[in-house]
Amino acid sequence: MSDKNLTQGTERSFSSTLAAIAWSFVGLRRKSDFERDVTALNPVYVIMAGLIGVAVLIATLLGLVAFATR
């Protein structure tokens, strides 16, 4: 049985989805991890994790700007 067939039926948890999205924001991802994510990530989790990541990024940038302009 190939690796592709082994990963198709298993969904990853929300915490592992957050980790995958975090690595995607940074831009560091191995091809094998990406291929596993394509078959195993729940799209709803990906959207929720992406929105959380964007909110954290914006809050961090706003905090840095507020700190720099004091």
C-alpha atoms as a PDB file:
ATOM      1  CA  MET A   1       0.000   0.000   0.000  1.00  0.00           C
ATOM      2  CA  SER A   2       1.419   3.409  -0.861  1.00  0.00           C
ATOM      3  CA  ASP A   3       1.768   6.354   1.530  1.00  0.00           C
ATOM      4  CA  LYS A   4      -0.919   8.220  -0.360  1.00  0.00           C
ATOM      5  CA  ASN A   5      -3.479   5.526   0.401  1.00  0.00           C
ATOM      6  CA  LEU A   6      -2.536   5.446   4.073  1.00  0.00           C
ATOM      7  CA  THR A   7      -3.118   9.157   4.644  1.00  0.00           C
ATOM      8  CA  GLN A   8      -6.363   9.608   2.730  1.00  0.00           C
ATOM      9  CA  GLY A   9      -8.734   8.382   5.423  1.00  0.00           C
ATOM     10  CA  THR A  10      -7.155  10.148   8.375  1.00  0.00           C
ATOM     11  CA  GLU A  11      -8.052  13.690   9.314  1.00  0.00           C
ATOM     12  CA  ARG A  12      -5.686  15.778  11.361  1.00  0.00           C
ATOM     13  CA  SER A  13      -6.643  17.572  14.565  1.00  0.00           C
ATOM     14  CA  PHE A  14      -7.168  21.311  14.844  1.00  0.00           C
ATOM     15  CA  SER A  15      -3.839  21.752  16.647  1.00  0.00           C
ATOM     16  CA  SER A  16      -1.926  19.999  13.883  1.00  0.00           C
ATOM     17  CA  THR A  17      -3.823  22.131  11.368  1.00  0.00           C
ATOM     18  CA  LEU A  18      -2.682  25.250  13.261  1.00  0.00           C
ATOM     19  CA  ALA A  19       0.898  24.016  13.055  1.00  0.00           C
ATOM     20  CA  ALA A  20       0.593  23.422   9.307  1.00  0.00           C
ATOM     21  CA  ILE A  21      -0.871  26.898   8.766  1.00  0.00           C
ATOM     22  CA  ALA A  22       1.859  28.468  10.933  1.00  0.00           C
ATOM     23  CA  TRP A  23       4.561  26.825   8.830  1.00  0.00           C
ATOM     24  CA  SER A  24       2.740  28.008   5.716  1.00  0.00           C
ATOM     25  CA  PHE A  25       2.743  31.603   6.992  1.00  0.00           C
ATOM     26  CA  VAL A  26       6.498  31.339   7.513  1.00  0.00           C
ATOM     27  CA  GLY A  27       6.938  29.707   4.128  1.00  0.00           C
ATOM     28  CA  LEU A  28       8.896  26.692   5.323  1.00  0.00           C
ATOM     29  CA  ARG A  29       7.279  23.410   4.398  1.00  0.00           C
ATOM     30  CA  ARG A  30       8.676  20.122   3.149  1.00  0.00           C
ATOM     31  CA  LYS A  31       7.092  18.661   0.033  1.00  0.00           C
ATOM     32  CA  SER A  32       6.187  15.438   1.844  1.00  0.00           C
ATOM     33  CA  ASP A  33       4.415  17.418   4.598  1.00  0.00           C
ATOM     34  CA  PHE A  34       2.557  19.461   1.996  1.00  0.00           C
ATOM     35  CA  GLU A  35       1.392  16.331   0.187  1.00  0.00           C
ATOM     36  CA  ARG A  36       0.196  14.820   3.462  1.00  0.00           C
ATOM     37  CA  ASP A  37      -1.643  18.056   4.315  1.00  0.00           C
ATOM     38  CA  VAL A  38      -3.440  18.111   0.976  1.00  0.00           C
ATOM     39  CA  THR A  39      -5.056  14.762   1.703  1.00  0.00           C
ATOM     40  CA  ALA A  40      -5.532  14.995   5.477  1.00  0.00           C
ATOM     41  CA  LEU A  41      -6.479  18.568   6.436  1.00  0.00           C
ATOM     42  CA  ASN A  42     -10.097  19.463   7.075  1.00  0.00           C
ATOM     43  CA  PRO A  43     -11.003  22.545   4.962  1.00  0.00           C
ATOM     44  CA  VAL A  44     -13.063  24.066   7.788  1.00  0.00           C
ATOM     45  CA  TYR A  45     -10.070  23.803  10.124  1.00  0.00           C
ATOM     46  CA  VAL A  46      -7.848  25.401   7.488  1.00  0.00           C
ATOM     47  CA  ILE A  47     -10.182  28.391   7.125  1.00  0.00           C
ATOM     48  CA  MET A  48     -10.503  28.828  10.902  1.00  0.00           C
ATOM     49  CA  ALA A  49      -6.734  28.516  11.419  1.00  0.00           C
ATOM     50  CA  GLY A  50      -6.061  30.973   8.596  1.00  0.00           C
ATOM     51  CA  LEU A  51      -8.417  33.540  10.105  1.00  0.00           C
ATOM     52  CA  ILE A  52      -6.808  33.100  13.519  1.00  0.00           C
ATOM     53  CA  GLY A  53      -3.357  33.475  11.967  1.00  0.00           C
ATOM     54  CA  VAL A  54      -4.328  36.646  10.126  1.00  0.00           C
ATOM     55  CA  ALA A  55      -5.878  38.111  13.298  1.00  0.00           C
ATOM     56  CA  VAL A  56      -2.696  37.379  15.286  1.00  0.00           C
ATOM     57  CA  LEU A  57      -0.526  38.861  12.528  1.00  0.00           C
ATOM     58  CA  ILE A  58      -2.597  42.058  12.358  1.00  0.00           C
ATOM     59  CA  ALA A  59      -2.683  42.405  16.152  1.00  0.00           C
ATOM     60  CA  THR A  60       1.097  41.968  16.288  1.00  0.00           C
ATOM     61  CA  LEU A  61       1.663  44.583  13.586  1.00  0.00           C
ATOM     62  CA  LEU A  62      -0.701  47.047  15.278  1.00  0.00           C
ATOM     63  CA  GLY A  63       1.070  46.467  18.578  1.00  0.00           C
ATOM     64  CA  LEU A  64       4.468  47.103  17.008  1.00  0.00           C
ATOM     65  CA  VAL A  65       3.231  50.304  15.373  1.00  0.00           C
ATOM     66  CA  ALA A  66       1.713  51.528  18.633  1.00  0.00           C
ATOM     67  CA  PHE A  67       4.961  50.734  20.462  1.00  0.00           C
ATOM     68  CA  ALA A  68       7.073  52.488  17.818  1.00  0.00           C
ATOM     69  CA  THR A  69       4.960  55.664  17.775  1.00  0.00           C
ATOM     70  CA  ARG A  70       5.068  56.339  21.541  1.00  0.00           C
END
